[in-house]
Amino acid sequence: MGQNDTVQLLQDTDTVGTSNSGANDLERHNTEEGVWLMVALKLGETFAIARKSKGLTLRDVEWQCGVSNALISQIETGKIKDPGFFTVTKLALALGLSLDRCAEPYVRHMESMENSS
């Protein structure tokens, strides 16, 4: 997979629910918890796509950044809603992602909250 393919895959994660059918149900239920779970899914999807596009396993990333493979898996699936700044930073560095890209789902959500009020 080339760099352009990776960029396209990362851009595709901007569509909620592309890899998790449950996200579509959450979109219909506009609860605060549901909204933050969708944001977490987008971050996790970004990590998963970046990891897979580099041909890395969960254990490979664990070895590179010191975050347990179990925690990485939970982040990728959206089970961990707020993985914390240092964890996100470690994963982003290991996967070659910018912190701006990782923060994008949160920024978009906050902007939409401001625009709706």
Protein backbone atom coordinates (compact mmCIF):
# COMPACT_ATOMS: atom_id res chain seq x y z
CA MET A 1 0.00 0.00 0.00
CA GLY A 2 1.45 3.33 -1.06
CA GLN A 3 1.47 6.63 0.78
CA ASN A 4 -1.43 7.98 -1.32
CA ASP A 5 -3.51 4.93 -0.41
CA THR A 6 -2.78 5.52 3.26
CA VAL A 7 -3.78 9.17 2.98
CA GLN A 8 -7.05 8.18 1.28
CA LEU A 9 -7.79 5.58 3.95
CA LEU A 10 -7.17 8.13 6.69
CA GLN A 11 -9.45 10.59 4.93
CA ASP A 12 -12.14 7.91 4.65
CA THR A 13 -12.24 7.66 8.46
CA ASP A 14 -13.83 11.10 8.47
CA THR A 15 -17.13 9.38 7.62
CA VAL A 16 -18.65 8.16 10.87
CA GLY A 17 -19.36 4.46 11.02
CA THR A 18 -17.25 3.30 8.06
CA SER A 19 -15.83 0.33 9.93
CA ASN A 20 -18.28 -0.12 12.79
CA SER A 21 -21.97 -0.57 12.10
CA GLY A 22 -22.77 0.33 15.71
CA ALA A 23 -21.55 3.88 15.09
CA ASN A 24 -24.56 4.47 12.81
CA ASP A 25 -26.87 3.60 15.71
CA LEU A 26 -24.95 5.98 17.96
CA GLU A 27 -25.32 8.75 15.40
CA ARG A 28 -29.10 8.44 15.69
CA HIS A 29 -28.91 8.70 19.49
CA ASN A 30 -27.43 12.13 19.99
CA THR A 31 -26.50 11.59 23.63
CA GLU A 32 -23.32 13.07 25.03
CA GLU A 33 -21.91 9.58 25.65
CA GLY A 34 -22.82 8.52 22.11
CA VAL A 35 -21.18 11.58 20.58
CA TRP A 36 -17.94 11.03 22.47
CA LEU A 37 -17.95 7.34 21.55
CA MET A 38 -18.20 8.31 17.87
CA VAL A 39 -15.25 10.68 18.31
CA ALA A 40 -13.27 7.91 20.04
CA LEU A 41 -14.11 5.50 17.23
CA LYS A 42 -12.75 7.96 14.68
CA LEU A 43 -9.49 8.29 16.59
CA GLY A 44 -9.24 4.54 16.99
CA GLU A 45 -10.00 3.98 13.31
CA THR A 46 -7.23 6.41 12.42
CA PHE A 47 -4.76 4.45 14.52
CA ALA A 48 -5.95 1.09 13.15
CA ILE A 49 -5.72 2.19 9.53
CA ALA A 50 -2.28 3.73 10.02
CA ARG A 51 -1.05 0.59 11.81
CA LYS A 52 -2.42 -1.80 9.19
CA SER A 53 -1.18 0.31 6.28
CA LYS A 54 2.33 -0.01 7.68
CA GLY A 55 1.91 -3.76 8.07
CA LEU A 56 2.31 -3.55 11.84
CA THR A 57 0.71 -5.83 14.41
CA LEU A 58 -0.57 -4.65 17.77
CA ARG A 59 2.53 -6.20 19.34
CA ASP A 60 4.80 -4.33 16.90
CA VAL A 61 3.28 -1.01 17.98
CA GLU A 62 3.44 -2.05 21.64
CA TRP A 63 7.15 -2.73 21.24
CA GLN A 64 7.74 0.63 19.50
CA CYS A 65 5.88 2.88 21.92
CA GLY A 66 5.40 0.99 25.18
CA VAL A 67 1.58 1.08 25.12
CA SER A 68 0.15 -2.40 25.77
CA ASN A 69 -1.36 -4.20 22.80
CA ALA A 70 -4.57 -4.72 24.80
CA LEU A 71 -4.93 -0.96 25.33
CA ILE A 72 -4.15 -0.25 21.66
CA SER A 73 -6.88 -2.71 20.65
CA GLN A 74 -9.39 -1.05 22.99
CA ILE A 75 -8.52 2.37 21.58
CA GLU A 76 -8.84 1.13 17.99
CA THR A 77 -12.31 -0.30 18.69
CA GLY A 78 -13.52 2.78 20.60
CA LYS A 79 -13.86 0.99 23.94
CA ILE A 80 -11.50 3.53 25.50
CA LYS A 81 -13.18 6.90 24.96
CA ASP A 82 -10.38 9.13 26.24
CA PRO A 83 -7.00 7.42 26.00
CA GLY A 84 -5.11 10.41 27.40
CA PHE A 85 -2.67 12.81 25.85
CA PHE A 86 0.53 10.87 26.51
CA THR A 87 -0.91 7.62 25.17
CA VAL A 88 -2.15 9.34 22.01
CA THR A 89 1.24 11.01 21.60
CA LYS A 90 3.12 7.72 21.94
CA LEU A 91 0.85 6.00 19.43
CA ALA A 92 0.97 8.91 16.99
CA LEU A 93 4.77 8.94 17.03
CA ALA A 94 4.96 5.17 16.56
CA LEU A 95 2.53 5.31 13.63
CA GLY A 96 3.92 8.44 11.98
CA LEU A 97 0.78 10.50 12.56
CA SER A 98 0.71 14.15 13.52
CA LEU A 99 -1.01 15.18 16.74
CA ASP A 100 -3.11 17.54 14.62
CA ARG A 101 -4.49 14.56 12.71
CA CYS A 102 -5.23 12.71 15.95
CA ALA A 103 -7.00 15.73 17.44
CA GLU A 104 -9.08 16.41 14.33
CA PRO A 105 -12.20 14.43 15.42
CA TYR A 106 -12.24 16.25 18.78
CA VAL A 107 -11.73 19.66 17.17
CA ARG A 108 -14.53 19.03 14.66
CA HIS A 109 -16.88 17.96 17.44
CA MET A 110 -16.11 21.03 19.54
CA GLU A 111 -16.55 23.31 16.51
CA SER A 112 -19.92 21.74 15.72
CA MET A 113 -20.98 22.25 19.35
CA GLU A 114 -20.04 25.94 19.15
CA ASN A 115 -21.85 26.39 15.83
CA SER A 116 -25.04 24.76 17.10
CA SER A 117 -25.38 27.06 20.10
